[in-house]
């Protein structure tokens, strides 16, 4: 049985900047075999694109709801997205 792949844009709000959220996201994503990117946004949120097997994407979305130690997540918004070319790694872009 082959895995289904998906890509999702995510916006995480709350106390998510200044607590290592981007590095934690990268580490968790790599642990789950996901590709994409994560960055801080000007409004204090963190945005990410995560792509990979649907079960790993679902797991990462659940983990976003908790975040790393020191974070206080108040919301996780997701939006499925299409991609022309699957990212090949996971990067902190900003």
PDB file of N, CA and C in Angstrom:
ATOM      1  N   UNK A   1       0.844  -1.182   0.000  1.00  0.00           N
ATOM      2  CA  UNK A   1       0.000   0.000   0.000  1.00  0.00           C
ATOM      3  C   UNK A   1       0.881   1.234   0.000  1.00  0.00           C
ATOM      4  N   UNK A   2       0.723   2.122  -0.964  1.00  0.00           N
ATOM      5  CA  UNK A   2       1.565   3.307  -1.053  1.00  0.00           C
ATOM      6  C   UNK A   2       0.955   4.453  -0.258  1.00  0.00           C
ATOM      7  N   UNK A   3       1.828   5.321   0.224  1.00  0.00           N
ATOM      8  CA  UNK A   3       1.389   6.477   1.004  1.00  0.00           C
ATOM      9  C   UNK A   3       0.830   7.550   0.083  1.00  0.00           C
ATOM     10  N   UNK A   4      -0.132   8.279   0.582  1.00  0.00           N
ATOM     11  CA  UNK A   4      -0.647   9.441  -0.135  1.00  0.00           C
ATOM     12  C   UNK A   4       0.127  10.653   0.350  1.00  0.00           C
ATOM     13  N   UNK A   5       0.497  11.498  -0.577  1.00  0.00           N
ATOM     14  CA  UNK A   5       1.271  12.684  -0.230  1.00  0.00           C
ATOM     15  C   UNK A   5       0.387  13.908  -0.294  1.00  0.00           C
ATOM     16  N   UNK A   6       0.681  14.873   0.602  1.00  0.00           N
ATOM     17  CA  UNK A   6      -0.063  16.117   0.606  1.00  0.00           C
ATOM     18  C   UNK A   6       0.837  17.250   1.063  1.00  0.00           C
ATOM     19  N   UNK A   7       0.402  18.453   0.781  1.00  0.00           N
ATOM     20  CA  UNK A   7       1.096  19.655   1.238  1.00  0.00           C
ATOM     21  C   UNK A   7       0.062  20.567   1.886  1.00  0.00           C
ATOM     22  N   UNK A   8       0.448  21.158   3.013  1.00  0.00           N
ATOM     23  CA  UNK A   8      -0.457  21.995   3.779  1.00  0.00           C
ATOM     24  C   UNK A   8       0.287  23.245   4.228  1.00  0.00           C
ATOM     25  N   UNK A   9      -0.372  24.396   4.073  1.00  0.00           N
ATOM     26  CA  UNK A   9       0.141  25.634   4.667  1.00  0.00           C
ATOM     27  C   UNK A   9      -0.455  25.731   6.055  1.00  0.00           C
ATOM     28  N   UNK A  10       0.378  26.147   7.008  1.00  0.00           N
ATOM     29  CA  UNK A  10      -0.035  26.206   8.403  1.00  0.00           C
ATOM     30  C   UNK A  10       0.315  27.573   8.973  1.00  0.00           C
ATOM     31  N   UNK A  11      -0.589  28.127   9.783  1.00  0.00           N
ATOM     32  CA  UNK A  11      -0.303  29.347  10.540  1.00  0.00           C
ATOM     33  C   UNK A  11      -0.582  29.039  11.999  1.00  0.00           C
ATOM     34  N   UNK A  12       0.442  29.243  12.842  1.00  0.00           N
ATOM     35  CA  UNK A  12       0.332  28.961  14.269  1.00  0.00           C
ATOM     36  C   UNK A  12       0.384  30.291  15.013  1.00  0.00           C
ATOM     37  N   UNK A  13      -0.614  30.531  15.855  1.00  0.00           N
ATOM     38  CA  UNK A  13      -0.661  31.786  16.606  1.00  0.00           C
ATOM     39  C   UNK A  13      -0.531  31.520  18.098  1.00  0.00           C
ATOM     40  N   UNK A  14      -0.263  32.582  18.831  1.00  0.00           N
ATOM     41  CA  UNK A  14      -0.042  32.512  20.274  1.00  0.00           C
ATOM     42  C   UNK A  14       1.353  33.012  20.584  1.00  0.00           C
ATOM     43  N   UNK A  15       1.915  32.537  21.691  1.00  0.00           N
ATOM     44  CA  UNK A  15       3.297  32.893  22.014  1.00  0.00           C
ATOM     45  C   UNK A  15       4.184  31.862  21.334  1.00  0.00           C
ATOM     46  N   UNK A  16       4.524  32.149  20.063  1.00  0.00           N
ATOM     47  CA  UNK A  16       5.250  31.178  19.241  1.00  0.00           C
ATOM     48  C   UNK A  16       6.543  31.749  18.658  1.00  0.00           C
ATOM     49  N   UNK A  17       6.825  32.996  18.950  1.00  0.00           N
ATOM     50  CA  UNK A  17       8.104  33.572  18.532  1.00  0.00           C
ATOM     51  C   UNK A  17       8.957  33.810  19.767  1.00  0.00           C
ATOM     52  N   UNK A  18      10.260  33.600  19.614  1.00  0.00           N
ATOM     53  CA  UNK A  18      11.179  33.780  20.732  1.00  0.00           C
ATOM     54  C   UNK A  18      11.233  32.583  21.677  1.00  0.00           C
ATOM     55  N   UNK A  19      10.677  31.449  21.248  1.00  0.00           N
ATOM     56  CA  UNK A  19      10.654  30.242  22.093  1.00  0.00           C
ATOM     57  C   UNK A  19      11.258  29.034  21.374  1.00  0.00           C
ATOM     58  N   UNK A  20      11.936  29.261  20.257  1.00  0.00           N
ATOM     59  CA  UNK A  20      12.556  28.164  19.511  1.00  0.00           C
ATOM     60  C   UNK A  20      11.586  27.391  18.629  1.00  0.00           C
ATOM     61  N   UNK A  21      10.456  28.010  18.290  1.00  0.00           N
ATOM     62  CA  UNK A  21       9.423  27.308  17.537  1.00  0.00           C
ATOM     63  C   UNK A  21       9.903  26.878  16.152  1.00  0.00           C
ATOM     64  N   UNK A  22      10.647  27.736  15.457  1.00  0.00           N
ATOM     65  CA  UNK A  22      11.100  27.386  14.106  1.00  0.00           C
ATOM     66  C   UNK A  22      12.080  26.217  14.124  1.00  0.00           C
ATOM     67  N   UNK A  23      13.031  26.230  15.051  1.00  0.00           N
ATOM     68  CA  UNK A  23      13.993  25.122  15.129  1.00  0.00           C
ATOM     69  C   UNK A  23      13.277  23.835  15.539  1.00  0.00           C
ATOM     70  N   UNK A  24      12.347  23.935  16.485  1.00  0.00           N
ATOM     71  CA  UNK A  24      11.567  22.771  16.895  1.00  0.00           C
ATOM     72  C   UNK A  24      10.773  22.216  15.709  1.00  0.00           C
ATOM     73  N   UNK A  25      10.161  23.118  14.928  1.00  0.00           N
ATOM     74  CA  UNK A  25       9.394  22.686  13.752  1.00  0.00           C
ATOM     75  C   UNK A  25      10.289  21.945  12.777  1.00  0.00           C
ATOM     76  N   UNK A  26      11.454  22.513  12.483  1.00  0.00           N
ATOM     77  CA  UNK A  26      12.382  21.845  11.563  1.00  0.00           C
ATOM     78  C   UNK A  26      12.763  20.464  12.076  1.00  0.00           C
ATOM     79  N   UNK A  27      13.106  20.380  13.355  1.00  0.00           N
ATOM     80  CA  UNK A  27      13.522  19.095  13.924  1.00  0.00           C
ATOM     81  C   UNK A  27      12.392  18.065  13.879  1.00  0.00           C
ATOM     82  N   UNK A  28      11.181  18.471  14.243  1.00  0.00           N
ATOM     83  CA  UNK A  28      10.035  17.559  14.218  1.00  0.00           C
ATOM     84  C   UNK A  28       9.716  17.130  12.787  1.00  0.00           C
ATOM     85  N   UNK A  29       9.754  18.081  11.867  1.00  0.00           N
ATOM     86  CA  UNK A  29       9.457  17.770  10.466  1.00  0.00           C
ATOM     87  C   UNK A  29      10.467  16.772   9.910  1.00  0.00           C
ATOM     88  N   UNK A  30      11.733  16.972  10.182  1.00  0.00           N
ATOM     89  CA  UNK A  30      12.756  16.050   9.700  1.00  0.00           C
ATOM     90  C   UNK A  30      12.575  14.675  10.332  1.00  0.00           C
ATOM     91  N   UNK A  31      12.232  14.637  11.616  1.00  0.00           N
ATOM     92  CA  UNK A  31      11.995  13.373  12.311  1.00  0.00           C
ATOM     93  C   UNK A  31      10.853  12.594  11.648  1.00  0.00           C
ATOM     94  N   UNK A  32       9.852  13.336  11.139  1.00  0.00           N
ATOM     95  CA  UNK A  32       8.688  12.702  10.511  1.00  0.00           C
ATOM     96  C   UNK A  32       8.872  12.469   9.010  1.00  0.00           C
ATOM     97  N   UNK A  33       9.999  12.913   8.449  1.00  0.00           N
ATOM     98  CA  UNK A  33      10.248  12.729   7.028  1.00  0.00           C
ATOM     99  C   UNK A  33       9.518  13.729   6.147  1.00  0.00           C
ATOM    100  N   UNK A  34       9.229  14.909   6.698  1.00  0.00           N
ATOM    101  CA  UNK A  34       8.523  15.950   5.943  1.00  0.00           C
ATOM    102  C   UNK A  34       9.509  16.916   5.304  1.00  0.00           C
ATOM    103  N   UNK A  35       9.048  17.592   4.265  1.00  0.00           N
ATOM    104  CA  UNK A  35       9.823  18.653   3.631  1.00  0.00           C
ATOM    105  C   UNK A  35       8.999  19.925   3.676  1.00  0.00           C
ATOM    106  N   UNK A  36       9.651  21.064   3.411  1.00  0.00           N
ATOM    107  CA  UNK A  36       8.944  22.341   3.380  1.00  0.00           C
ATOM    108  C   UNK A  36       9.770  23.449   3.989  1.00  0.00           C
ATOM    109  N   UNK A  37       9.092  24.370   4.676  1.00  0.00           N
ATOM    110  CA  UNK A  37       9.768  25.518   5.283  1.00  0.00           C
ATOM    111  C   UNK A  37       8.960  26.045   6.463  1.00  0.00           C
ATOM    112  N   UNK A  38       9.598  26.877   7.280  1.00  0.00           N
ATOM    113  CA  UNK A  38       8.940  27.551   8.402  1.00  0.00           C
ATOM    114  C   UNK A  38       9.548  28.937   8.531  1.00  0.00           C
ATOM    115  N   UNK A  39       8.718  29.911   8.940  1.00  0.00           N
ATOM    116  CA  UNK A  39       9.220  31.286   9.108  1.00  0.00           C
ATOM    117  C   UNK A  39       8.360  32.044  10.116  1.00  0.00           C
ATOM    118  N   UNK A  40       8.958  33.064  10.739  1.00  0.00           N
ATOM    119  CA  UNK A  40       8.217  33.991  11.582  1.00  0.00           C
ATOM    120  C   UNK A  40       7.481  34.979  10.696  1.00  0.00           C
ATOM    121  N   UNK A  41       6.303  35.387  11.122  1.00  0.00           N
ATOM    122  CA  UNK A  41       5.519  36.391  10.415  1.00  0.00           C
ATOM    123  C   UNK A  41       5.516  37.682  11.230  1.00  0.00           C
ATOM    124  N   UNK A  42       5.288  38.798  10.559  1.00  0.00           N
ATOM    125  CA  UNK A  42       5.290  40.105  11.208  1.00  0.00           C
ATOM    126  C   UNK A  42       4.218  40.280  12.264  1.00  0.00           C
ATOM    127  N   UNK A  43       3.154  39.505  12.190  1.00  0.00           N
ATOM    128  CA  UNK A  43       2.061  39.624  13.159  1.00  0.00           C
ATOM    129  C   UNK A  43       2.282  38.786  14.416  1.00  0.00           C
ATOM    130  N   UNK A  44       3.460  38.168  14.548  1.00  0.00           N
ATOM    131  CA  UNK A  44       3.768  37.370  15.733  1.00  0.00           C
ATOM    132  C   UNK A  44       3.467  35.890  15.577  1.00  0.00           C
ATOM    133  N   UNK A  45       2.886  35.501  14.453  1.00  0.00           N
ATOM    134  CA  UNK A  45       2.593  34.086  14.221  1.00  0.00           C
ATOM    135  C   UNK A  45       3.782  33.416  13.543  1.00  0.00           C
ATOM    136  N   UNK A  46       3.667  32.108  13.373  1.00  0.00           N
ATOM    137  CA  UNK A  46       4.647  31.324  12.625  1.00  0.00           C
ATOM    138  C   UNK A  46       3.903  30.679  11.466  1.00  0.00           C
ATOM    139  N   UNK A  47       4.464  30.779  10.258  1.00  0.00           N
ATOM    140  CA  UNK A  47       3.877  30.159   9.070  1.00  0.00           C
ATOM    141  C   UNK A  47       4.775  29.020   8.623  1.00  0.00           C
ATOM    142  N   UNK A  48       4.154  27.982   8.048  1.00  0.00           N
ATOM    143  CA  UNK A  48       4.935  26.844   7.575  1.00  0.00           C
ATOM    144  C   UNK A  48       4.246  26.216   6.379  1.00  0.00           C
ATOM    145  N   UNK A  49       5.042  25.551   5.567  1.00  0.00           N
ATOM    146  CA  UNK A  49       4.553  24.658   4.523  1.00  0.00           C
ATOM    147  C   UNK A  49       5.128  23.301   4.863  1.00  0.00           C
ATOM    148  N   UNK A  50       4.254  22.315   5.037  1.00  0.00           N
ATOM    149  CA  UNK A  50       4.727  20.968   5.318  1.00  0.00           C
ATOM    150  C   UNK A  50       4.204  20.046   4.235  1.00  0.00           C
ATOM    151  N   UNK A  51       5.080  19.169   3.747  1.00  0.00           N
ATOM    152  CA  UNK A  51       4.714  18.270   2.659  1.00  0.00           C
ATOM    153  C   UNK A  51       5.296  16.891   2.933  1.00  0.00           C
ATOM    154  N   UNK A  52       4.502  15.876   2.591  1.00  0.00           N
ATOM    155  CA  UNK A  52       4.971  14.508   2.761  1.00  0.00           C
ATOM    156  C   UNK A  52       3.813  13.550   2.881  1.00  0.00           C
ATOM    157  N   UNK A  53       4.064  12.357   3.399  1.00  0.00           N
ATOM    158  CA  UNK A  53       2.999  11.372   3.568  1.00  0.00           C
ATOM    159  C   UNK A  53       1.879  11.930   4.445  1.00  0.00           C
ATOM    160  N   UNK A  54       0.634  11.661   4.061  1.00  0.00           N
ATOM    161  CA  UNK A  54      -0.498  12.263   4.767  1.00  0.00           C
ATOM    162  C   UNK A  54      -0.510  11.942   6.259  1.00  0.00           C
ATOM    163  N   UNK A  55      -0.086  10.763   6.658  1.00  0.00           N
ATOM    164  CA  UNK A  55      -0.074  10.433   8.086  1.00  0.00           C
ATOM    165  C   UNK A  55       0.947  11.276   8.843  1.00  0.00           C
ATOM    166  N   UNK A  56       2.095  11.538   8.224  1.00  0.00           N
ATOM    167  CA  UNK A  56       3.122  12.373   8.851  1.00  0.00           C
ATOM    168  C   UNK A  56       2.658  13.821   8.920  1.00  0.00           C
ATOM    169  N   UNK A  57       1.984  14.300   7.868  1.00  0.00           N
ATOM    170  CA  UNK A  57       1.441  15.665   7.873  1.00  0.00           C
ATOM    171  C   UNK A  57       0.421  15.811   9.005  1.00  0.00           C
ATOM    172  N   UNK A  58      -0.466  14.843   9.156  1.00  0.00           N
ATOM    173  CA  UNK A  58      -1.465  14.886  10.232  1.00  0.00           C
ATOM    174  C   UNK A  58      -0.803  14.905  11.602  1.00  0.00           C
ATOM    175  N   UNK A  59       0.227  14.105  11.777  1.00  0.00           N
ATOM    176  CA  UNK A  59       0.946  14.073  13.047  1.00  0.00           C
ATOM    177  C   UNK A  59       1.584  15.420  13.337  1.00  0.00           C
ATOM    178  N   UNK A  60       2.196  16.042  12.319  1.00  0.00           N
ATOM    179  CA  UNK A  60       2.841  17.340  12.523  1.00  0.00           C
ATOM    180  C   UNK A  60       1.815  18.398  12.888  1.00  0.00           C
ATOM    181  N   UNK A  61       0.652  18.369  12.256  1.00  0.00           N
ATOM    182  CA  UNK A  61      -0.387  19.347  12.580  1.00  0.00           C
ATOM    183  C   UNK A  61      -0.806  19.199  14.040  1.00  0.00           C
ATOM    184  N   UNK A  62      -0.933  17.971  14.517  1.00  0.00           N
ATOM    185  CA  UNK A  62      -1.248  17.741  15.937  1.00  0.00           C
ATOM    186  C   UNK A  62      -0.152  18.316  16.826  1.00  0.00           C
ATOM    187  N   UNK A  63       1.099  18.106  16.442  1.00  0.00           N
ATOM    188  CA  UNK A  63       2.222  18.609  17.250  1.00  0.00           C
ATOM    189  C   UNK A  63       2.268  20.129  17.268  1.00  0.00           C
ATOM    190  N   UNK A  64       1.875  20.763  16.167  1.00  0.00           N
ATOM    191  CA  UNK A  64       1.811  22.231  16.159  1.00  0.00           C
ATOM    192  C   UNK A  64       0.900  22.736  17.271  1.00  0.00           C
ATOM    193  N   UNK A  65      -0.132  21.991  17.610  1.00  0.00           N
ATOM    194  CA  UNK A  65      -1.060  22.414  18.661  1.00  0.00           C
ATOM    195  C   UNK A  65      -0.439  22.489  20.038  1.00  0.00           C
ATOM    196  N   UNK A  66       0.656  21.772  20.240  1.00  0.00           N
ATOM    197  CA  UNK A  66       1.376  21.814  21.515  1.00  0.00           C
ATOM    198  C   UNK A  66       2.606  22.710  21.422  1.00  0.00           C
ATOM    199  N   UNK A  67       3.375  22.559  20.357  1.00  0.00           N
ATOM    200  CA  UNK A  67       4.604  23.329  20.185  1.00  0.00           C
ATOM    201  C   UNK A  67       5.678  22.908  21.167  1.00  0.00           C
ATOM    202  N   UNK A  68       6.811  23.603  21.129  1.00  0.00           N
ATOM    203  CA  UNK A  68       7.922  23.279  22.026  1.00  0.00           C
ATOM    204  C   UNK A  68       7.670  23.830  23.429  1.00  0.00           C
ATOM    205  N   UNK A  69       8.502  23.398  24.354  1.00  0.00           N
ATOM    206  CA  UNK A  69       8.447  23.949  25.715  1.00  0.00           C
ATOM    207  C   UNK A  69       8.611  25.465  25.627  1.00  0.00           C
ATOM    208  N   UNK A  70       7.812  26.189  26.362  1.00  0.00           N
ATOM    209  CA  UNK A  70       7.884  27.652  26.349  1.00  0.00           C
ATOM    210  C   UNK A  70       6.882  28.302  25.428  1.00  0.00           C
ATOM    211  N   UNK A  71       6.355  27.551  24.489  1.00  0.00           N
ATOM    212  CA  UNK A  71       5.344  28.099  23.580  1.00  0.00           C
ATOM    213  C   UNK A  71       3.962  27.987  24.223  1.00  0.00           C
ATOM    214  N   UNK A  72       3.084  28.871  23.812  1.00  0.00           N
ATOM    215  CA  UNK A  72       1.683  28.815  24.229  1.00  0.00           C
ATOM    216  C   UNK A  72       0.850  29.008  22.971  1.00  0.00           C
ATOM    217  N   UNK A  73       0.434  27.914  22.365  1.00  0.00           N
ATOM    218  CA  UNK A  73      -0.275  27.951  21.090  1.00  0.00           C
ATOM    219  C   UNK A  73      -1.753  28.245  21.336  1.00  0.00           C
ATOM    220  N   UNK A  74      -2.263  29.273  20.658  1.00  0.00           N
ATOM    221  CA  UNK A  74      -3.683  29.603  20.797  1.00  0.00           C
ATOM    222  C   UNK A  74      -4.482  29.208  19.560  1.00  0.00           C
ATOM    223  N   UNK A  75      -3.798  28.926  18.449  1.00  0.00           N
ATOM    224  CA  UNK A  75      -4.518  28.534  17.256  1.00  0.00           C
ATOM    225  C   UNK A  75      -3.614  27.929  16.200  1.00  0.00           C
ATOM    226  N   UNK A  76      -4.177  26.984  15.450  1.00  0.00           N
ATOM    227  CA  UNK A  76      -3.476  26.363  14.322  1.00  0.00           C
ATOM    228  C   UNK A  76      -4.449  26.349  13.155  1.00  0.00           C
ATOM    229  N   UNK A  77      -4.141  27.117  12.118  1.00  0.00           N
ATOM    230  CA  UNK A  77      -4.964  27.153  10.915  1.00  0.00           C
ATOM    231  C   UNK A  77      -4.238  26.398   9.809  1.00  0.00           C
ATOM    232  N   UNK A  78      -4.970  25.577   9.079  1.00  0.00           N
ATOM    233  CA  UNK A  78      -4.361  24.819   7.991  1.00  0.00           C
ATOM    234  C   UNK A  78      -5.121  25.060   6.703  1.00  0.00           C
ATOM    235  N   UNK A  79      -4.395  24.982   5.607  1.00  0.00           N
ATOM    236  CA  UNK A  79      -4.986  25.134   4.281  1.00  0.00           C
ATOM    237  C   UNK A  79      -4.245  24.213   3.314  1.00  0.00           C
ATOM    238  N   UNK A  80      -4.941  23.224   2.765  1.00  0.00           N
ATOM    239  CA  UNK A  80      -4.286  22.370   1.765  1.00  0.00           C
ATOM    240  C   UNK A  80      -3.779  23.231   0.611  1.00  0.00           C
ATOM    241  N   UNK A  81      -2.656  22.854   0.052  1.00  0.00           N
ATOM    242  CA  UNK A  81      -2.089  23.628  -1.047  1.00  0.00           C
ATOM    243  C   UNK A  81      -1.571  22.687  -2.123  1.00  0.00           C
ATOM    244  N   UNK A  82      -1.504  23.181  -3.318  1.00  0.00           N
ATOM    245  CA  UNK A  82      -0.939  22.440  -4.440  1.00  0.00           C
ATOM    246  C   UNK A  82       0.511  22.872  -4.612  1.00  0.00           C
ATOM    247  N   UNK A  83       1.310  22.008  -5.144  1.00  0.00           N
ATOM    248  CA  UNK A  83       2.708  22.353  -5.393  1.00  0.00           C
ATOM    249  C   UNK A  83       3.117  21.766  -6.731  1.00  0.00           C
ATOM    250  N   UNK A  84       3.919  22.547  -7.445  1.00  0.00           N
ATOM    251  CA  UNK A  84       4.426  22.062  -8.731  1.00  0.00           C
ATOM    252  C   UNK A  84       5.590  21.106  -8.528  1.00  0.00           C
ATOM    253  N   UNK A  85       6.421  21.427  -7.557  1.00  0.00           N
ATOM    254  CA  UNK A  85       7.610  20.622  -7.292  1.00  0.00           C
ATOM    255  C   UNK A  85       7.708  20.404  -5.786  1.00  0.00           C
ATOM    256  N   UNK A  86       7.730  19.149  -5.372  1.00  0.00           N
ATOM    257  CA  UNK A  86       7.829  18.808  -3.955  1.00  0.00           C
ATOM    258  C   UNK A  86       9.146  19.338  -3.404  1.00  0.00           C
ATOM    259  N   UNK A  87       9.108  20.064  -2.260  1.00  0.00           N
ATOM    260  CA  UNK A  87      10.368  20.500  -1.642  1.00  0.00           C
ATOM    261  C   UNK A  87      11.226  19.279  -1.341  1.00  0.00           C
ATOM    262  N   UNK A  88      12.542  19.453  -1.381  1.00  0.00           N
ATOM    263  CA  UNK A  88      13.444  18.334  -1.166  1.00  0.00           C
ATOM    264  C   UNK A  88      14.065  18.329   0.226  1.00  0.00           C
ATOM    265  N   UNK A  89      13.854  19.384   0.996  1.00  0.00           N
ATOM    266  CA  UNK A  89      14.396  19.455   2.348  1.00  0.00           C
ATOM    267  C   UNK A  89      13.458  20.283   3.217  1.00  0.00           C
ATOM    268  N   UNK A  90      13.859  20.574   4.437  1.00  0.00           N
ATOM    269  CA  UNK A  90      13.064  21.429   5.315  1.00  0.00           C
ATOM    270  C   UNK A  90      13.944  22.564   5.777  1.00  0.00           C
ATOM    271  N   UNK A  91      13.485  23.804   5.563  1.00  0.00           N
ATOM    272  CA  UNK A  91      14.308  24.984   5.842  1.00  0.00           C
ATOM    273  C   UNK A  91      13.600  25.976   6.748  1.00  0.00           C
ATOM    274  N   UNK A  92      14.406  26.678   7.513  1.00  0.00           N
ATOM    275  CA  UNK A  92      13.935  27.867   8.226  1.00  0.00           C
ATOM    276  C   UNK A  92      14.212  29.024   7.281  1.00  0.00           C
ATOM    277  N   UNK A  93      13.161  29.706   6.832  1.00  0.00           N
ATOM    278  CA  UNK A  93      13.350  30.727   5.801  1.00  0.00           C
ATOM    279  C   UNK A  93      13.244  32.160   6.327  1.00  0.00           C
ATOM    280  N   UNK A  94      12.891  32.345   7.553  1.00  0.00           N
ATOM    281  CA  UNK A  94      12.783  33.708   8.071  1.00  0.00           C
ATOM    282  C   UNK A  94      12.292  33.736   9.472  1.00  0.00           C
TER     283      UNK A  94
END
